[in-house]
Amino acid sequence: MGSVPGGTPQGNNGLAVASLVLSIVGVCCGIGSILGIVLGFVALNQIKKTGQPGEGLAKAGIIIGFITLAIGIFFWLLSLITGNGYFYYGR
């Protein structure tokens, strides 16, 4: 399973791995979450076409990306509402 006849075994889809890593990094930086979500969907499309392993990694990257993005938006809105963040302009 996961190998090409007469060839070397295939590894996980690189974009799926990158999606998972960037989604986890998204806890610190919101752009990581967004990139993780996008790469996860691209990886799923590649995996469906090629049959390469990594579907679970891509799905995990998408799910974690959405979760970390939602957490980031929540805390950003909280800082706006309470005035305890970078977006407080002294009102």
C-alpha atoms as a PDB file:
ATOM      1  CA  MET A   1       0.000   0.000   0.000  1.00  0.00           C
ATOM      2  CA  GLY A   2       1.258   3.487  -0.802  1.00  0.00           C
ATOM      3  CA  SER A   3       3.856   2.325  -3.301  1.00  0.00           C
ATOM      4  CA  VAL A   4       4.239   2.476  -7.023  1.00  0.00           C
ATOM      5  CA  PRO A   5       4.787  -0.903  -8.715  1.00  0.00           C
ATOM      6  CA  GLY A   6       8.473  -1.159  -9.519  1.00  0.00           C
ATOM      7  CA  GLY A   7       9.198   2.164  -7.858  1.00  0.00           C
ATOM      8  CA  THR A   8      10.001   3.569  -4.486  1.00  0.00           C
ATOM      9  CA  PRO A   9       7.309   3.917  -1.825  1.00  0.00           C
ATOM     10  CA  GLN A  10       5.415   7.198  -1.836  1.00  0.00           C
ATOM     11  CA  GLY A  11       5.455   9.412   1.225  1.00  0.00           C
ATOM     12  CA  ASN A  12       2.675  11.598   2.494  1.00  0.00           C
ATOM     13  CA  ASN A  13       1.591  14.494   0.347  1.00  0.00           C
ATOM     14  CA  GLY A  14       3.912  17.420   1.109  1.00  0.00           C
ATOM     15  CA  LEU A  15       1.124  19.984   1.028  1.00  0.00           C
ATOM     16  CA  ALA A  16      -0.865  17.947   3.544  1.00  0.00           C
ATOM     17  CA  VAL A  17       2.081  17.977   5.943  1.00  0.00           C
ATOM     18  CA  ALA A  18       2.597  21.709   5.369  1.00  0.00           C
ATOM     19  CA  SER A  19      -1.112  22.313   5.982  1.00  0.00           C
ATOM     20  CA  LEU A  20      -0.967  20.605   9.359  1.00  0.00           C
ATOM     21  CA  VAL A  21       2.220  22.401  10.422  1.00  0.00           C
ATOM     22  CA  LEU A  22       0.976  25.841   9.355  1.00  0.00           C
ATOM     23  CA  SER A  23      -2.377  25.300  11.054  1.00  0.00           C
ATOM     24  CA  ILE A  24      -0.626  24.487  14.324  1.00  0.00           C
ATOM     25  CA  VAL A  25       1.606  27.557  13.916  1.00  0.00           C
ATOM     26  CA  GLY A  26      -1.608  29.514  13.372  1.00  0.00           C
ATOM     27  CA  VAL A  27      -2.043  29.563  17.149  1.00  0.00           C
ATOM     28  CA  CYS A  28       0.692  32.208  17.235  1.00  0.00           C
ATOM     29  CA  CYS A  29      -0.004  33.902  13.921  1.00  0.00           C
ATOM     30  CA  GLY A  30      -3.332  34.085  12.084  1.00  0.00           C
ATOM     31  CA  ILE A  31      -1.798  33.890   8.617  1.00  0.00           C
ATOM     32  CA  GLY A  32      -0.601  30.367   9.403  1.00  0.00           C
ATOM     33  CA  SER A  33      -4.180  29.251   9.929  1.00  0.00           C
ATOM     34  CA  ILE A  34      -5.326  30.711   6.630  1.00  0.00           C
ATOM     35  CA  LEU A  35      -2.422  29.190   4.705  1.00  0.00           C
ATOM     36  CA  GLY A  36      -2.999  25.859   6.440  1.00  0.00           C
ATOM     37  CA  ILE A  37      -6.646  25.814   5.377  1.00  0.00           C
ATOM     38  CA  VAL A  38      -5.832  26.692   1.763  1.00  0.00           C
ATOM     39  CA  LEU A  39      -2.996  24.156   1.513  1.00  0.00           C
ATOM     40  CA  GLY A  40      -5.231  21.514   3.090  1.00  0.00           C
ATOM     41  CA  PHE A  41      -7.857  21.896   0.376  1.00  0.00           C
ATOM     42  CA  VAL A  42      -5.209  21.916  -2.365  1.00  0.00           C
ATOM     43  CA  ALA A  43      -3.656  18.779  -0.855  1.00  0.00           C
ATOM     44  CA  LEU A  44      -7.030  17.005  -0.763  1.00  0.00           C
ATOM     45  CA  ASN A  45      -7.514  17.720  -4.466  1.00  0.00           C
ATOM     46  CA  GLN A  46      -4.040  16.386  -5.268  1.00  0.00           C
ATOM     47  CA  ILE A  47      -4.600  13.291  -3.130  1.00  0.00           C
ATOM     48  CA  LYS A  48      -7.899  12.510  -4.881  1.00  0.00           C
ATOM     49  CA  LYS A  49      -6.194  12.752  -8.285  1.00  0.00           C
ATOM     50  CA  THR A  50      -3.002  10.848  -7.474  1.00  0.00           C
ATOM     51  CA  GLY A  51      -4.039   8.472  -4.702  1.00  0.00           C
ATOM     52  CA  GLN A  52      -1.058   9.597  -2.648  1.00  0.00           C
ATOM     53  CA  PRO A  53      -1.321   9.090   1.140  1.00  0.00           C
ATOM     54  CA  GLY A  54      -1.928  12.017   3.466  1.00  0.00           C
ATOM     55  CA  GLU A  55      -5.678  12.546   3.361  1.00  0.00           C
ATOM     56  CA  GLY A  56      -5.923  12.462   7.158  1.00  0.00           C
ATOM     57  CA  LEU A  57      -3.133  15.006   7.505  1.00  0.00           C
ATOM     58  CA  ALA A  58      -4.854  17.341   5.046  1.00  0.00           C
ATOM     59  CA  LYS A  59      -8.200  17.028   6.841  1.00  0.00           C
ATOM     60  CA  ALA A  60      -6.528  17.592  10.220  1.00  0.00           C
ATOM     61  CA  GLY A  61      -4.785  20.678   8.825  1.00  0.00           C
ATOM     62  CA  ILE A  62      -8.092  22.081   7.618  1.00  0.00           C
ATOM     63  CA  ILE A  63      -9.899  21.395  10.899  1.00  0.00           C
ATOM     64  CA  ILE A  64      -7.097  22.724  13.111  1.00  0.00           C
ATOM     65  CA  GLY A  65      -6.734  25.727  10.794  1.00  0.00           C
ATOM     66  CA  PHE A  66     -10.402  26.651  11.213  1.00  0.00           C
ATOM     67  CA  ILE A  67     -10.211  26.154  14.986  1.00  0.00           C
ATOM     68  CA  THR A  68      -7.069  28.282  15.410  1.00  0.00           C
ATOM     69  CA  LEU A  69      -8.491  30.951  13.090  1.00  0.00           C
ATOM     70  CA  ALA A  70     -11.694  31.095  15.146  1.00  0.00           C
ATOM     71  CA  ILE A  71      -9.701  31.366  18.378  1.00  0.00           C
ATOM     72  CA  GLY A  72      -7.578  34.140  16.897  1.00  0.00           C
ATOM     73  CA  ILE A  73     -10.637  36.082  15.733  1.00  0.00           C
ATOM     74  CA  PHE A  74     -12.258  35.641  19.143  1.00  0.00           C
ATOM     75  CA  PHE A  75      -9.268  37.071  20.993  1.00  0.00           C
ATOM     76  CA  TRP A  76      -8.877  39.878  18.446  1.00  0.00           C
ATOM     77  CA  LEU A  77     -12.535  40.862  18.935  1.00  0.00           C
ATOM     78  CA  LEU A  78     -12.131  40.572  22.697  1.00  0.00           C
ATOM     79  CA  SER A  79      -9.197  42.984  22.587  1.00  0.00           C
ATOM     80  CA  LEU A  80     -11.263  45.418  20.513  1.00  0.00           C
ATOM     81  CA  ILE A  81     -14.222  45.264  22.888  1.00  0.00           C
ATOM     82  CA  THR A  82     -12.256  45.577  26.110  1.00  0.00           C
ATOM     83  CA  GLY A  83      -9.691  48.020  24.777  1.00  0.00           C
ATOM     84  CA  ASN A  84      -6.821  45.890  26.036  1.00  0.00           C
ATOM     85  CA  GLY A  85      -5.040  45.243  22.781  1.00  0.00           C
ATOM     86  CA  TYR A  86      -3.076  46.672  19.935  1.00  0.00           C
ATOM     87  CA  PHE A  87      -6.211  48.078  18.362  1.00  0.00           C
ATOM     88  CA  TYR A  88      -7.067  50.449  21.197  1.00  0.00           C
ATOM     89  CA  TYR A  89      -6.812  54.057  20.066  1.00  0.00           C
ATOM     90  CA  GLY A  90      -7.347  55.780  23.421  1.00  0.00           C
ATOM     91  CA  ARG A  91     -11.088  56.290  23.271  1.00  0.00           C
END
